[in-house]
Amino acid sequence: MFENEGLHFAVGYCGSSTIWAPWLGYKTALKILEDPASRSYFDTDPPESIPFCQGKPWFLPMLMTGYHLSDWWQGRS
């Protein structure tokens, strides 16, 4: 959980969102209300920015096309 420019984020569930999302949402709400009970092991600083990635991620359409082609190639048998 972190805050950046006034926005609060509860991210990084790594496949276990059904378990963690309600609890981290609750903790994030407490953080917004400035309740001391909001502190948890999941409090962190905002992640570092990705070098050379400013604004809209222009490279994602190319990556998605590559994944679609890979799926098509593997599923054609």
Protein backbone atom coordinates (compact mmCIF):
# COMPACT_ATOMS: atom_id res chain seq x y z
CA MET A 1 0.00 0.00 0.00
CA PHE A 2 1.30 3.43 -0.84
CA GLU A 3 0.22 6.97 -1.56
CA ASN A 4 1.42 9.02 -4.51
CA GLU A 5 0.23 12.53 -5.39
CA GLY A 6 -2.86 12.17 -3.21
CA LEU A 7 -3.91 8.80 -4.65
CA HIS A 8 -3.82 5.67 -2.51
CA PHE A 9 -2.88 2.32 -4.01
CA ALA A 10 -3.31 -1.24 -2.73
CA VAL A 11 -1.53 -3.35 -5.36
CA GLY A 12 0.71 -6.35 -5.92
CA TYR A 13 -1.53 -9.21 -4.88
CA CYS A 14 0.44 -11.75 -6.94
CA GLY A 15 -2.51 -14.04 -7.61
CA SER A 16 -4.04 -13.89 -4.15
CA SER A 17 -6.36 -10.90 -4.57
CA THR A 18 -9.44 -12.74 -3.29
CA ILE A 19 -7.79 -13.04 0.10
CA TRP A 20 -5.91 -9.75 0.36
CA ALA A 21 -8.02 -7.18 -1.53
CA PRO A 22 -10.76 -6.68 1.09
CA TRP A 23 -8.26 -6.40 3.94
CA LEU A 24 -5.88 -4.07 2.08
CA GLY A 25 -8.85 -1.99 0.92
CA TYR A 26 -9.90 -1.65 4.55
CA LYS A 27 -6.36 -0.71 5.60
CA THR A 28 -6.17 1.84 2.76
CA ALA A 29 -9.46 3.39 3.91
CA LEU A 30 -8.05 3.67 7.44
CA LYS A 31 -4.93 5.30 5.99
CA ILE A 32 -7.09 7.89 4.19
CA LEU A 33 -8.83 8.59 7.50
CA GLU A 34 -5.37 8.90 9.13
CA ASP A 35 -6.21 6.16 11.64
CA PRO A 36 -3.11 4.69 13.36
CA ALA A 37 -4.64 1.22 12.91
CA SER A 38 -3.88 1.54 9.18
CA ARG A 39 -0.22 0.62 9.70
CA SER A 40 0.75 -2.78 8.37
CA TYR A 41 3.66 -4.72 6.96
CA PHE A 42 2.38 -3.82 3.48
CA ASP A 43 3.00 -0.07 3.85
CA THR A 44 5.68 0.94 1.40
CA ASP A 45 7.07 3.84 -0.58
CA PRO A 46 5.83 4.37 -4.15
CA PRO A 47 7.69 2.23 -6.69
CA GLU A 48 10.50 3.76 -8.72
CA SER A 49 9.57 4.94 -12.18
CA ILE A 50 10.58 2.85 -15.17
CA PRO A 51 13.46 4.47 -17.10
CA PHE A 52 12.46 6.00 -20.46
CA CYS A 53 8.77 5.31 -19.78
CA GLN A 54 6.99 8.64 -19.57
CA GLY A 55 3.27 8.98 -20.20
CA LYS A 56 1.40 6.44 -22.32
CA PRO A 57 3.23 3.07 -22.58
CA TRP A 58 3.76 3.05 -26.36
CA PHE A 59 5.36 -0.41 -26.31
CA LEU A 60 2.35 -2.33 -24.90
CA PRO A 61 0.50 -2.77 -28.24
CA MET A 62 3.63 -4.40 -29.70
CA LEU A 63 3.96 -6.72 -26.69
CA MET A 64 0.29 -7.69 -26.84
CA THR A 65 0.57 -8.44 -30.57
CA GLY A 66 3.56 -10.67 -29.83
CA TYR A 67 1.61 -12.56 -27.15
CA HIS A 68 -1.39 -12.97 -29.46
CA LEU A 69 0.86 -14.37 -32.20
CA SER A 70 2.52 -16.72 -29.72
CA ASP A 71 -0.89 -17.97 -28.52
CA TRP A 72 -2.04 -18.46 -32.12
CA TRP A 73 1.17 -20.32 -33.02
CA GLN A 74 0.95 -22.65 -30.04
CA GLY A 75 -2.77 -23.31 -30.49
CA ARG A 76 -2.76 -24.15 -34.20
CA SER A 77 -2.03 -27.86 -33.75
